[in-house]
């Protein structure tokens, strides 16, 4: 891995974790509501991605699909509404665990097979999610946790739908453009409950344009320098960064349950990814 690839990868992981931190900060500390945050995030992300696509490939056609846009919108909306109650770190962990496990289950449905370490990793990651969700004084609110799990499954579906659809930046741009009117419809259905202020709008724009739009563009620049196993494994850092950022920047508590769940989920997924790496070598 070159120093350029390492730098781009590190920036991308910070951006991805930043989405959780910005969303939680906006919904906890400002007046903006979850529907407005979702719409502004998707709109600003679409505009930034259009700009980046035109700068890099002036004649490129928009790609993507309505199925991909639907999955993207479901992820973004559930993500925002979940963060009305979830801490940034716990939310990122639930999201990441659901993404990876849903994609793994789809692979098994398609005929992939796991060896013993892969099975152990799957059970360990599943147990980590259960640790987070079992009743207790520090259990995440059930509705918020369920919404984040749905967001993770939707992002997993979005990732699977995006395979072999063409140039990644053009696909992402097209999906963001299609998802934006879906978010506007959500806003219209909740018109009487909409709220926002300047800080909230700023965080939503930052999440869409910077940590989503530019973050994805940087990721696509880093991917050619990464092996598939490296690209998958390095994303294990995102929940860890969100946990640390939530503790340092948002004064969120790092509980024993959260730490044990993190170790189980990230360790289990790492075992599965290692098994896949060996199977593909």
Protein backbone atom coordinates (compact mmCIF):
# COMPACT_ATOMS: atom_id res chain seq x y z
CA UNK A 1 0.00 0.00 0.00
CA UNK A 2 1.50 3.35 -1.05
CA UNK A 3 1.59 6.40 1.22
CA UNK A 4 -0.98 8.08 -1.06
CA UNK A 5 -3.37 5.14 -0.73
CA UNK A 6 -2.82 5.05 3.03
CA UNK A 7 -3.62 8.76 3.34
CA UNK A 8 -6.74 8.52 1.16
CA UNK A 9 -7.95 5.47 3.09
CA UNK A 10 -7.44 7.18 6.45
CA UNK A 11 -9.33 10.28 5.27
CA UNK A 12 -12.19 8.09 4.03
CA UNK A 13 -12.55 6.24 7.32
CA UNK A 14 -12.61 9.57 9.19
CA UNK A 15 -15.29 10.81 6.79
CA UNK A 16 -17.45 7.70 7.23
CA UNK A 17 -17.21 7.92 11.01
CA UNK A 18 -17.88 11.65 10.72
CA UNK A 19 -21.34 10.92 9.31
CA UNK A 20 -22.36 9.35 12.63
CA UNK A 21 -20.81 12.14 14.68
CA UNK A 22 -22.35 14.96 12.60
CA UNK A 23 -25.80 13.39 12.57
CA UNK A 24 -25.84 12.78 16.32
CA UNK A 25 -24.44 16.27 17.01
CA UNK A 26 -27.05 17.93 14.81
CA UNK A 27 -30.02 16.02 16.22
CA UNK A 28 -28.87 16.38 19.84
CA UNK A 29 -27.58 19.95 19.91
CA UNK A 30 -29.56 21.83 17.24
CA UNK A 31 -33.22 22.31 16.30
CA UNK A 32 -33.14 20.37 13.01
CA UNK A 33 -35.46 17.37 12.76
CA UNK A 34 -34.49 13.97 11.34
CA UNK A 35 -36.48 14.29 8.10
CA UNK A 36 -34.98 17.68 7.26
CA UNK A 37 -31.49 16.41 8.09
CA UNK A 38 -32.01 13.46 5.73
CA UNK A 39 -33.26 15.65 2.86
CA UNK A 40 -30.52 18.25 3.21
CA UNK A 41 -27.85 15.56 3.50
CA UNK A 42 -28.99 13.77 0.34
CA UNK A 43 -29.47 17.01 -1.63
CA UNK A 44 -26.08 18.46 -0.69
CA UNK A 45 -24.45 15.08 -1.35
CA UNK A 46 -26.08 14.90 -4.79
CA UNK A 47 -24.93 18.42 -5.70
CA UNK A 48 -21.37 17.74 -4.53
CA UNK A 49 -21.20 14.42 -6.40
CA UNK A 50 -22.53 16.06 -9.59
CA UNK A 51 -19.79 18.67 -9.32
CA UNK A 52 -17.09 16.07 -8.73
CA UNK A 53 -18.33 13.90 -11.59
CA UNK A 54 -18.33 16.84 -14.02
CA UNK A 55 -14.84 17.86 -12.91
CA UNK A 56 -13.39 14.37 -13.29
CA UNK A 57 -15.43 13.06 -16.24
CA UNK A 58 -17.15 15.94 -18.07
CA UNK A 59 -18.97 13.67 -20.52
CA UNK A 60 -19.89 10.88 -18.13
CA UNK A 61 -23.55 9.88 -18.01
CA UNK A 62 -25.37 9.43 -14.73
CA UNK A 63 -25.75 5.80 -13.71
CA UNK A 64 -27.38 4.01 -10.79
CA UNK A 65 -30.95 2.75 -10.46
CA UNK A 66 -34.20 3.42 -8.63
CA UNK A 67 -33.65 0.24 -6.62
CA UNK A 68 -30.28 1.57 -5.47
CA UNK A 69 -31.82 4.98 -4.73
CA UNK A 70 -34.57 3.34 -2.66
CA UNK A 71 -32.00 1.45 -0.60
CA UNK A 72 -29.92 4.63 -0.18
CA UNK A 73 -32.95 6.63 0.96
CA UNK A 74 -34.02 3.90 3.40
CA UNK A 75 -30.51 3.85 4.88
CA UNK A 76 -30.28 7.65 5.19
CA UNK A 77 -33.76 8.10 6.68
CA UNK A 78 -33.51 5.26 9.22
CA UNK A 79 -29.98 6.42 10.09
CA UNK A 80 -31.22 9.92 10.93
CA UNK A 81 -34.29 8.87 12.91
CA UNK A 82 -32.22 6.30 14.87
CA UNK A 83 -29.76 9.02 15.92
CA UNK A 84 -32.52 10.94 17.66
CA UNK A 85 -31.86 8.54 20.56
CA UNK A 86 -28.67 6.57 19.89
CA UNK A 87 -25.15 7.65 20.81
CA UNK A 88 -22.82 8.05 17.84
CA UNK A 89 -20.60 5.09 18.73
CA UNK A 90 -23.40 2.65 19.51
CA UNK A 91 -25.22 3.64 16.33
CA UNK A 92 -22.13 3.15 14.16
CA UNK A 93 -21.53 -0.25 15.71
CA UNK A 94 -25.12 -1.43 15.13
CA UNK A 95 -25.02 -0.06 11.58
CA UNK A 96 -21.73 -1.68 10.69
CA UNK A 97 -22.67 -5.01 12.23
CA UNK A 98 -25.95 -5.08 10.32
CA UNK A 99 -24.25 -4.14 7.03
CA UNK A 100 -21.67 -6.86 7.24
CA UNK A 101 -23.98 -9.58 8.55
CA UNK A 102 -26.67 -8.87 5.96
CA UNK A 103 -24.12 -9.05 3.13
CA UNK A 104 -22.73 -12.25 4.63
CA UNK A 105 -26.18 -13.84 4.83
CA UNK A 106 -26.83 -12.87 1.21
CA UNK A 107 -23.56 -14.51 0.22
CA UNK A 108 -24.56 -17.70 2.03
CA UNK A 109 -27.94 -17.62 0.27
CA UNK A 110 -26.07 -17.33 -3.04
CA UNK A 111 -24.04 -20.43 -2.26
CA UNK A 112 -20.94 -19.16 -0.46
CA UNK A 113 -19.58 -21.49 2.20
CA UNK A 114 -17.86 -20.71 5.48
CA UNK A 115 -15.13 -22.76 7.13
CA UNK A 116 -14.86 -23.14 10.91
CA UNK A 117 -13.26 -19.71 11.55
CA UNK A 118 -15.91 -18.11 9.34
CA UNK A 119 -18.73 -19.78 11.26
CA UNK A 120 -17.12 -18.80 14.56
CA UNK A 121 -16.75 -15.21 13.36
CA UNK A 122 -20.39 -15.03 12.30
CA UNK A 123 -21.58 -16.37 15.66
CA UNK A 124 -19.25 -14.01 17.53
CA UNK A 125 -20.45 -10.95 15.62
CA UNK A 126 -24.09 -11.99 16.11
CA UNK A 127 -23.45 -12.46 19.82
CA UNK A 128 -21.94 -8.95 19.94
CA UNK A 129 -25.13 -7.48 18.51
CA UNK A 130 -27.16 -9.42 21.08
CA UNK A 131 -24.94 -8.08 23.88
CA UNK A 132 -25.80 -4.56 22.78
CA UNK A 133 -29.53 -5.27 22.54
CA UNK A 134 -30.13 -7.35 25.69
CA UNK A 135 -32.21 -5.58 28.36
CA UNK A 136 -30.29 -3.46 30.83
CA UNK A 137 -29.89 0.07 32.13
CA UNK A 138 -27.60 1.03 29.23
CA UNK A 139 -29.47 -0.81 26.45
CA UNK A 140 -30.05 1.34 23.35
CA UNK A 141 -33.73 2.33 22.94
CA UNK A 142 -35.40 -0.57 21.07
CA UNK A 143 -37.04 1.49 18.33
CA UNK A 144 -33.85 3.44 17.63
CA UNK A 145 -31.77 0.25 17.61
CA UNK A 146 -34.21 -1.41 15.20
CA UNK A 147 -34.11 1.61 12.88
CA UNK A 148 -30.30 1.48 12.80
CA UNK A 149 -30.35 -2.24 12.06
CA UNK A 150 -32.75 -1.56 9.17
CA UNK A 151 -30.38 1.20 8.00
CA UNK A 152 -27.54 -1.32 8.02
CA UNK A 153 -29.50 -3.89 6.02
CA UNK A 154 -30.47 -1.15 3.53
CA UNK A 155 -26.82 -0.10 3.14
CA UNK A 156 -25.85 -3.72 2.63
CA UNK A 157 -28.51 -3.99 -0.09
CA UNK A 158 -27.27 -0.74 -1.62
CA UNK A 159 -23.72 -2.10 -1.73
CA UNK A 160 -24.85 -5.35 -3.35
CA UNK A 161 -27.01 -3.51 -5.91
CA UNK A 162 -24.05 -1.31 -6.85
CA UNK A 163 -21.85 -4.21 -7.90
CA UNK A 164 -21.07 -4.32 -11.61
CA UNK A 165 -23.29 -1.31 -12.39
CA UNK A 166 -20.51 0.71 -13.96
CA UNK A 167 -18.20 3.50 -12.84
CA UNK A 168 -18.64 3.93 -9.08
CA UNK A 169 -18.78 7.73 -8.96
CA UNK A 170 -21.39 7.90 -11.75
CA UNK A 171 -23.49 5.21 -10.02
CA UNK A 172 -23.33 6.97 -6.65
CA UNK A 173 -24.18 10.34 -8.20
CA UNK A 174 -27.21 8.92 -9.99
CA UNK A 175 -28.44 7.18 -6.86
CA UNK A 176 -28.10 10.32 -4.74
CA UNK A 177 -30.01 12.33 -7.35
CA UNK A 178 -32.82 9.76 -7.42
CA UNK A 179 -32.92 9.47 -3.61
CA UNK A 180 -33.32 13.23 -3.11
CA UNK A 181 -36.99 13.47 -4.28
CA UNK A 182 -37.78 10.48 -2.05
CA UNK A 183 -36.43 12.47 0.89
CA UNK A 184 -38.49 15.48 -0.19
CA UNK A 185 -41.62 13.31 -0.10
CA UNK A 186 -40.71 12.31 3.47
CA UNK A 187 -40.39 15.99 4.37
CA UNK A 188 -43.81 16.74 2.88
CA UNK A 189 -45.45 13.98 4.92
CA UNK A 190 -44.03 15.49 8.13
CA UNK A 191 -44.48 19.13 7.17
CA UNK A 192 -46.16 20.16 10.42
CA UNK A 193 -43.29 18.77 12.50
CA UNK A 194 -40.33 20.21 10.59
CA UNK A 195 -37.78 22.31 12.46
CA UNK A 196 -34.34 23.63 11.64
CA UNK A 197 -31.84 26.30 12.50
CA UNK A 198 -28.57 27.48 10.95
CA UNK A 199 -26.26 25.14 12.92
CA UNK A 200 -28.48 22.15 12.10
CA UNK A 201 -28.52 22.98 8.40
CA UNK A 202 -24.76 23.48 8.47
CA UNK A 203 -24.15 20.04 9.98
CA UNK A 204 -26.53 18.43 7.47
CA UNK A 205 -24.78 20.11 4.53
CA UNK A 206 -21.42 19.12 5.96
CA UNK A 207 -22.58 15.51 6.29
CA UNK A 208 -23.89 15.44 2.72
CA UNK A 209 -21.24 17.40 0.85
CA UNK A 210 -18.11 16.57 2.85
CA UNK A 211 -18.36 13.28 4.73
CA UNK A 212 -20.71 11.67 2.18
CA UNK A 213 -20.01 13.24 -1.23
CA UNK A 214 -16.31 14.00 -0.97
CA UNK A 215 -15.82 11.01 1.35
CA UNK A 216 -17.12 8.59 -1.29
CA UNK A 217 -15.06 10.27 -4.01
CA UNK A 218 -11.89 9.87 -1.93
CA UNK A 219 -12.79 6.23 -1.23
CA UNK A 220 -13.12 5.48 -4.94
CA UNK A 221 -9.69 7.05 -5.46
CA UNK A 222 -8.21 4.84 -2.74
CA UNK A 223 -9.83 1.57 -3.84
CA UNK A 224 -7.54 0.87 -6.85
CA UNK A 225 -4.60 0.74 -4.44
CA UNK A 226 -6.28 -1.72 -2.06
CA UNK A 227 -6.85 -5.43 -2.32
CA UNK A 228 -10.46 -6.46 -1.79
CA UNK A 229 -9.61 -7.97 1.60
CA UNK A 230 -7.84 -4.76 2.64
CA UNK A 231 -10.79 -2.62 1.55
CA UNK A 232 -13.17 -4.74 3.61
CA UNK A 233 -10.95 -5.05 6.68
CA UNK A 234 -10.01 -1.37 6.93
CA UNK A 235 -13.68 -0.47 7.35
CA UNK A 236 -13.54 -2.17 10.76
CA UNK A 237 -11.96 1.08 11.94
CA UNK A 238 -15.11 3.15 11.30
CA UNK A 239 -17.12 2.10 14.41
CA UNK A 240 -13.98 2.36 16.52
CA UNK A 241 -13.37 5.93 15.31
CA UNK A 242 -17.03 6.80 15.95
CA UNK A 243 -16.82 5.35 19.48
CA UNK A 244 -13.68 7.36 20.23
CA UNK A 245 -15.07 10.49 18.61
CA UNK A 246 -18.34 10.17 20.49
CA UNK A 247 -16.48 9.86 23.77
CA UNK A 248 -14.06 12.74 23.14
CA UNK A 249 -16.23 15.18 21.19
CA UNK A 250 -19.78 14.43 22.36
CA UNK A 251 -19.04 13.29 25.92
CA UNK A 252 -20.68 9.90 25.34
CA UNK A 253 -20.07 7.14 27.88
CA UNK A 254 -17.97 4.11 26.91
CA UNK A 255 -19.78 1.40 28.88
CA UNK A 256 -18.56 -2.14 29.47
CA UNK A 257 -21.48 -3.46 27.38
CA UNK A 258 -20.43 -1.22 24.48
CA UNK A 259 -16.79 -2.26 24.70
CA UNK A 260 -17.63 -5.98 24.88
CA UNK A 261 -20.07 -5.65 22.00
CA UNK A 262 -17.45 -3.80 19.95
CA UNK A 263 -14.82 -6.48 20.52
CA UNK A 264 -17.27 -9.27 19.62
CA UNK A 265 -18.73 -7.61 16.51
CA UNK A 266 -15.48 -6.29 15.04
CA UNK A 267 -13.51 -9.39 16.00
CA UNK A 268 -16.15 -11.69 14.52
CA UNK A 269 -16.31 -9.76 11.26
CA UNK A 270 -12.51 -9.76 11.05
CA UNK A 271 -12.55 -13.57 11.28
CA UNK A 272 -15.08 -13.80 8.46
CA UNK A 273 -13.11 -11.42 6.27
CA UNK A 274 -9.91 -13.39 6.95
CA UNK A 275 -11.69 -16.60 5.94
CA UNK A 276 -12.89 -14.98 2.72
CA UNK A 277 -9.40 -13.70 1.99
CA UNK A 278 -7.99 -17.24 2.28
CA UNK A 279 -10.80 -18.68 0.18
CA UNK A 280 -10.04 -16.19 -2.59
CA UNK A 281 -6.27 -16.73 -2.56
